[in-house]
N, C-alpha and C. Protein backbone atom coordinates (compact mmCIF):
# COMPACT_ATOMS: atom_id res chain seq x y z
N MET A 1 -10.14 -1.06 17.07
CA MET A 1 -9.94 0.09 16.21
C MET A 1 -11.29 0.50 15.67
N ASN A 2 -11.65 1.75 15.84
CA ASN A 2 -12.91 2.30 15.35
C ASN A 2 -12.60 3.36 14.31
N LEU A 3 -12.94 3.08 13.09
CA LEU A 3 -12.69 4.05 11.99
C LEU A 3 -13.84 5.04 11.95
N PRO A 4 -13.51 6.31 11.62
CA PRO A 4 -14.61 7.25 11.40
C PRO A 4 -15.31 6.95 10.07
N GLN A 5 -16.58 7.34 9.97
CA GLN A 5 -17.29 7.13 8.73
C GLN A 5 -16.65 7.86 7.54
N ASP A 6 -16.15 9.09 7.79
CA ASP A 6 -15.46 9.84 6.76
C ASP A 6 -13.96 9.62 6.96
N ALA A 7 -13.42 8.75 6.11
CA ALA A 7 -12.00 8.37 6.21
C ALA A 7 -11.36 8.60 4.87
N GLU A 8 -10.13 8.14 4.75
CA GLU A 8 -9.37 8.26 3.49
C GLU A 8 -8.77 6.90 3.11
N LEU A 9 -8.66 6.74 1.79
CA LEU A 9 -7.99 5.57 1.26
C LEU A 9 -6.65 6.02 0.71
N LEU A 10 -5.59 5.50 1.33
CA LEU A 10 -4.22 5.77 0.87
C LEU A 10 -3.84 4.61 0.00
N ARG A 11 -3.46 4.93 -1.23
CA ARG A 11 -3.10 3.89 -2.20
C ARG A 11 -1.65 4.15 -2.61
N ILE A 12 -0.79 3.16 -2.50
CA ILE A 12 0.63 3.26 -2.80
C ILE A 12 1.00 2.30 -3.90
N TYR A 13 1.43 2.80 -5.04
CA TYR A 13 1.80 2.00 -6.22
C TYR A 13 3.31 1.92 -6.25
N ILE A 14 3.83 0.69 -6.11
CA ILE A 14 5.27 0.43 -6.12
C ILE A 14 5.54 -0.83 -6.91
N GLY A 15 6.79 -1.15 -7.01
CA GLY A 15 7.23 -2.39 -7.68
C GLY A 15 7.67 -3.44 -6.68
N GLU A 16 7.53 -4.67 -7.09
CA GLU A 16 7.87 -5.82 -6.24
C GLU A 16 9.35 -5.80 -5.81
N GLN A 17 10.20 -5.24 -6.61
CA GLN A 17 11.65 -5.23 -6.28
C GLN A 17 12.07 -4.02 -5.50
N ASP A 18 11.17 -3.05 -5.20
CA ASP A 18 11.51 -1.87 -4.44
C ASP A 18 11.88 -2.28 -3.04
N ARG A 19 12.93 -1.64 -2.53
CA ARG A 19 13.49 -2.03 -1.21
C ARG A 19 13.55 -0.76 -0.30
N HIS A 20 13.52 -1.06 0.99
CA HIS A 20 13.73 -0.04 2.03
C HIS A 20 14.54 -0.71 3.13
N GLU A 21 15.70 -0.16 3.41
CA GLU A 21 16.60 -0.73 4.41
C GLU A 21 16.86 -2.20 4.14
N GLY A 22 17.04 -2.56 2.87
CA GLY A 22 17.34 -3.92 2.48
C GLY A 22 16.22 -4.90 2.43
N ARG A 23 15.07 -4.49 2.76
CA ARG A 23 13.90 -5.41 2.79
C ARG A 23 12.87 -4.92 1.78
N PRO A 24 11.94 -5.83 1.35
CA PRO A 24 10.88 -5.40 0.44
C PRO A 24 10.11 -4.19 0.99
N LEU A 25 9.96 -3.20 0.16
CA LEU A 25 9.30 -1.95 0.57
C LEU A 25 7.86 -2.22 1.07
N TYR A 26 7.13 -3.10 0.34
CA TYR A 26 5.76 -3.32 0.76
C TYR A 26 5.68 -3.91 2.18
N GLU A 27 6.68 -4.76 2.53
CA GLU A 27 6.69 -5.30 3.90
C GLU A 27 6.92 -4.18 4.93
N ARG A 28 7.87 -3.31 4.60
CA ARG A 28 8.19 -2.23 5.52
C ARG A 28 6.96 -1.28 5.70
N ILE A 29 6.23 -1.06 4.61
CA ILE A 29 5.07 -0.18 4.68
C ILE A 29 4.02 -0.76 5.63
N ILE A 30 3.70 -2.06 5.44
CA ILE A 30 2.64 -2.59 6.29
C ILE A 30 3.16 -2.78 7.74
N GLU A 31 4.43 -3.03 7.90
CA GLU A 31 4.94 -3.11 9.29
C GLU A 31 4.85 -1.77 9.99
N GLU A 32 5.20 -0.70 9.26
CA GLU A 32 5.16 0.62 9.86
C GLU A 32 3.69 1.00 10.16
N ALA A 33 2.79 0.67 9.24
CA ALA A 33 1.37 0.97 9.49
C ALA A 33 0.87 0.23 10.73
N ARG A 34 1.27 -1.00 10.87
CA ARG A 34 0.85 -1.82 12.04
C ARG A 34 1.44 -1.25 13.30
N LYS A 35 2.72 -0.88 13.24
CA LYS A 35 3.39 -0.31 14.41
C LYS A 35 2.71 0.96 14.88
N ARG A 36 2.15 1.74 13.93
CA ARG A 36 1.49 2.99 14.29
C ARG A 36 0.04 2.78 14.68
N GLY A 37 -0.41 1.51 14.69
CA GLY A 37 -1.79 1.21 15.13
C GLY A 37 -2.84 1.56 14.12
N MET A 38 -2.47 1.61 12.85
CA MET A 38 -3.48 1.93 11.80
C MET A 38 -4.42 0.76 11.68
N ALA A 39 -5.60 1.05 11.12
CA ALA A 39 -6.70 0.11 11.06
C ALA A 39 -6.38 -1.17 10.28
N GLY A 40 -5.57 -1.09 9.24
CA GLY A 40 -5.20 -2.24 8.46
C GLY A 40 -4.54 -1.84 7.16
N ALA A 41 -3.88 -2.83 6.53
CA ALA A 41 -3.26 -2.59 5.22
C ALA A 41 -3.39 -3.85 4.40
N THR A 42 -3.47 -3.66 3.09
CA THR A 42 -3.61 -4.78 2.18
C THR A 42 -2.61 -4.56 1.02
N VAL A 43 -1.87 -5.63 0.64
CA VAL A 43 -0.98 -5.57 -0.47
C VAL A 43 -1.61 -6.39 -1.62
N LEU A 44 -1.77 -5.76 -2.80
CA LEU A 44 -2.33 -6.39 -3.98
C LEU A 44 -1.24 -6.50 -5.00
N ARG A 45 -1.07 -7.71 -5.60
CA ARG A 45 -0.05 -7.93 -6.65
C ARG A 45 -0.69 -7.90 -8.01
N GLY A 46 -0.20 -7.05 -8.87
CA GLY A 46 -0.75 -6.94 -10.21
C GLY A 46 -0.13 -7.98 -11.16
N ILE A 47 -0.83 -8.30 -12.24
CA ILE A 47 -0.31 -9.23 -13.22
C ILE A 47 0.41 -8.49 -14.33
N ALA A 48 0.10 -7.21 -14.46
CA ALA A 48 0.74 -6.38 -15.49
C ALA A 48 0.57 -4.89 -15.15
N GLY A 49 1.49 -4.08 -15.65
CA GLY A 49 1.38 -2.64 -15.44
C GLY A 49 2.58 -1.92 -15.95
N PHE A 50 2.47 -0.56 -15.98
CA PHE A 50 3.61 0.25 -16.30
C PHE A 50 3.49 1.52 -15.53
N GLY A 51 4.60 2.20 -15.33
CA GLY A 51 4.59 3.45 -14.57
C GLY A 51 5.14 4.61 -15.39
N ALA A 52 5.80 5.53 -14.69
CA ALA A 52 6.20 6.75 -15.29
C ALA A 52 7.21 6.58 -16.45
N THR A 53 7.97 5.48 -16.45
CA THR A 53 8.93 5.20 -17.54
C THR A 53 8.33 4.48 -18.68
N SER A 54 7.07 4.05 -18.56
CA SER A 54 6.32 3.26 -19.56
C SER A 54 6.96 1.87 -19.79
N HIS A 55 7.78 1.43 -18.88
CA HIS A 55 8.36 0.06 -18.98
C HIS A 55 7.31 -0.90 -18.55
N LEU A 56 7.00 -1.88 -19.42
CA LEU A 56 5.95 -2.85 -19.13
C LEU A 56 6.47 -3.96 -18.21
N HIS A 57 5.72 -4.20 -17.11
CA HIS A 57 6.02 -5.28 -16.21
C HIS A 57 4.83 -6.27 -16.35
N THR A 58 5.15 -7.53 -16.60
CA THR A 58 4.06 -8.51 -16.86
C THR A 58 4.40 -9.87 -16.28
N ALA A 59 3.40 -10.66 -16.03
CA ALA A 59 3.58 -12.00 -15.53
C ALA A 59 3.43 -13.05 -16.66
N LYS A 60 3.39 -12.61 -17.88
CA LYS A 60 3.27 -13.51 -19.01
C LYS A 60 4.46 -14.45 -19.02
N ILE A 61 4.22 -15.70 -19.43
CA ILE A 61 5.30 -16.71 -19.43
C ILE A 61 6.48 -16.30 -20.26
N LEU A 62 6.26 -15.75 -21.48
CA LEU A 62 7.38 -15.37 -22.33
C LEU A 62 8.06 -14.10 -21.90
N ARG A 63 7.47 -13.36 -21.03
CA ARG A 63 8.07 -12.08 -20.57
C ARG A 63 8.01 -12.06 -19.03
N LEU A 64 8.66 -13.03 -18.41
CA LEU A 64 8.64 -13.10 -16.99
C LEU A 64 9.28 -11.89 -16.37
N SER A 65 8.59 -11.27 -15.45
CA SER A 65 9.09 -10.07 -14.81
C SER A 65 9.31 -10.41 -13.32
N GLU A 66 10.35 -9.96 -12.79
CA GLU A 66 10.59 -10.11 -11.35
C GLU A 66 10.24 -8.83 -10.62
N ASP A 67 9.60 -7.94 -11.31
CA ASP A 67 9.24 -6.65 -10.72
C ASP A 67 7.79 -6.30 -11.04
N LEU A 68 6.88 -7.18 -10.65
CA LEU A 68 5.47 -6.94 -10.88
C LEU A 68 4.94 -5.76 -10.06
N PRO A 69 3.91 -5.10 -10.56
CA PRO A 69 3.37 -3.97 -9.80
C PRO A 69 2.64 -4.44 -8.50
N LEU A 70 2.79 -3.63 -7.49
CA LEU A 70 2.13 -3.85 -6.20
C LEU A 70 1.34 -2.60 -5.84
N VAL A 71 0.20 -2.81 -5.18
CA VAL A 71 -0.58 -1.71 -4.67
C VAL A 71 -0.80 -2.00 -3.17
N VAL A 72 -0.42 -1.03 -2.33
CA VAL A 72 -0.67 -1.16 -0.87
C VAL A 72 -1.80 -0.20 -0.56
N GLU A 73 -2.85 -0.71 0.05
CA GLU A 73 -4.00 0.12 0.42
C GLU A 73 -4.15 0.20 1.91
N ILE A 74 -4.37 1.40 2.41
CA ILE A 74 -4.61 1.64 3.83
C ILE A 74 -5.80 2.57 4.00
N VAL A 75 -6.80 2.11 4.79
CA VAL A 75 -7.92 2.96 5.09
C VAL A 75 -7.76 3.45 6.55
N GLU A 76 -7.88 4.77 6.69
CA GLU A 76 -7.66 5.31 8.02
C GLU A 76 -8.21 6.75 8.05
N SER A 77 -8.21 7.34 9.22
CA SER A 77 -8.68 8.76 9.33
C SER A 77 -7.71 9.68 8.61
N PRO A 78 -8.22 10.82 8.13
CA PRO A 78 -7.33 11.75 7.43
C PRO A 78 -6.14 12.18 8.28
N GLU A 79 -6.31 12.34 9.56
CA GLU A 79 -5.22 12.76 10.45
C GLU A 79 -4.14 11.72 10.53
N ARG A 80 -4.52 10.45 10.65
CA ARG A 80 -3.52 9.36 10.76
C ARG A 80 -2.79 9.20 9.44
N ILE A 81 -3.54 9.34 8.30
CA ILE A 81 -2.85 9.25 6.97
C ILE A 81 -1.83 10.39 6.86
N ALA A 82 -2.23 11.59 7.29
CA ALA A 82 -1.28 12.73 7.20
C ALA A 82 -0.04 12.53 8.02
N GLU A 83 -0.19 11.88 9.20
CA GLU A 83 0.97 11.60 10.02
C GLU A 83 1.90 10.55 9.44
N PHE A 84 1.32 9.63 8.58
CA PHE A 84 2.08 8.57 7.98
C PHE A 84 2.86 9.03 6.72
N LEU A 85 2.38 10.09 6.08
CA LEU A 85 2.96 10.49 4.80
C LEU A 85 4.44 10.87 4.87
N PRO A 86 4.93 11.58 5.86
CA PRO A 86 6.35 11.89 5.88
C PRO A 86 7.26 10.62 5.90
N TRP A 87 6.84 9.62 6.68
CA TRP A 87 7.62 8.40 6.70
C TRP A 87 7.57 7.76 5.32
N LEU A 88 6.41 7.74 4.73
CA LEU A 88 6.26 7.09 3.43
C LEU A 88 7.08 7.84 2.37
N ASP A 89 7.06 9.15 2.41
CA ASP A 89 7.83 9.98 1.44
C ASP A 89 9.30 9.68 1.57
N ASN A 90 9.77 9.48 2.76
CA ASN A 90 11.23 9.19 2.98
C ASN A 90 11.57 7.78 2.66
N SER A 91 10.60 6.89 2.40
CA SER A 91 10.85 5.48 2.20
C SER A 91 10.78 5.03 0.74
N ILE A 92 10.14 5.81 -0.11
CA ILE A 92 10.00 5.49 -1.55
C ILE A 92 11.14 6.21 -2.27
N HIS A 93 12.10 5.43 -2.79
CA HIS A 93 13.25 6.03 -3.43
C HIS A 93 13.35 5.75 -4.91
N HIS A 94 12.73 4.71 -5.41
CA HIS A 94 12.94 4.32 -6.83
C HIS A 94 11.70 4.45 -7.66
N GLY A 95 10.90 5.42 -7.37
CA GLY A 95 9.69 5.64 -8.17
C GLY A 95 8.48 5.01 -7.46
N GLY A 96 7.37 5.55 -7.76
CA GLY A 96 6.12 5.05 -7.19
C GLY A 96 5.05 6.17 -7.33
N LEU A 97 3.88 5.85 -6.90
CA LEU A 97 2.78 6.79 -6.99
C LEU A 97 1.98 6.63 -5.69
N VAL A 98 1.63 7.74 -5.08
CA VAL A 98 0.83 7.75 -3.86
C VAL A 98 -0.41 8.57 -4.10
N THR A 99 -1.59 8.01 -3.88
CA THR A 99 -2.83 8.74 -4.01
C THR A 99 -3.65 8.67 -2.71
N ILE A 100 -4.44 9.65 -2.50
CA ILE A 100 -5.34 9.71 -1.35
C ILE A 100 -6.71 10.09 -1.85
N GLU A 101 -7.74 9.34 -1.43
CA GLU A 101 -9.11 9.74 -1.83
C GLU A 101 -10.03 9.64 -0.61
N PRO A 102 -10.98 10.56 -0.53
CA PRO A 102 -11.97 10.43 0.55
C PRO A 102 -12.88 9.29 0.35
N ILE A 103 -13.21 8.60 1.41
CA ILE A 103 -14.14 7.45 1.34
C ILE A 103 -15.11 7.52 2.47
N HIS A 104 -16.19 6.78 2.37
CA HIS A 104 -17.18 6.65 3.43
C HIS A 104 -17.15 5.19 3.90
N VAL A 105 -16.81 5.02 5.18
CA VAL A 105 -16.74 3.64 5.79
C VAL A 105 -18.13 3.24 6.23
N ARG A 106 -18.60 2.18 5.67
CA ARG A 106 -19.93 1.65 6.08
C ARG A 106 -19.79 0.91 7.41
N PHE A 107 -18.83 -0.01 7.50
CA PHE A 107 -18.55 -0.71 8.76
C PHE A 107 -17.12 -1.25 8.71
N HIS A 108 -16.59 -1.50 9.87
CA HIS A 108 -15.20 -2.04 10.03
C HIS A 108 -15.29 -3.05 11.16
N ARG A 109 -15.24 -4.32 10.84
CA ARG A 109 -15.42 -5.37 11.85
C ARG A 109 -14.24 -6.30 11.87
N ALA A 110 -13.90 -6.77 13.02
CA ALA A 110 -12.91 -7.82 13.14
C ALA A 110 -13.52 -9.18 12.80
N ALA A 111 -12.72 -10.09 12.26
CA ALA A 111 -13.25 -11.43 11.95
C ALA A 111 -13.59 -12.13 13.27
N LYS A 112 -14.67 -12.90 13.24
CA LYS A 112 -15.06 -13.64 14.39
C LYS A 112 -14.15 -14.86 14.54
N SER A 113 -13.73 -15.14 15.74
CA SER A 113 -12.86 -16.32 15.96
C SER A 113 -13.70 -17.56 15.95
N VAL A 114 -13.12 -18.64 15.43
CA VAL A 114 -13.80 -19.92 15.32
C VAL A 114 -13.42 -20.73 16.56
N SER A 115 -14.41 -21.21 17.27
CA SER A 115 -14.18 -21.97 18.50
C SER A 115 -14.06 -23.45 18.23
């Protein structure tokens, strides 16, 4: 996979409990991105956050939350991101935030295999 230098960062803010077709939404997002041959996806788990409802989700011991914030990041060409957005729009049902920002890719390398 060769990324263009001028690419986009797609950032998807969802909750840990969000589902799509009965499965965790973050899993479905990265599976769909992989199926489409996108360059890669990363899921980041937050320790605290709040969204449009201002409901606080936190990992503090006294306020255990089973719905911690997640961020899925995908770096890809603007065209491939645009093709992915309709699927994503139809998959997020219980709230979320999707942002896109232009980025400059310095390099994109596969990990070297250890012999």
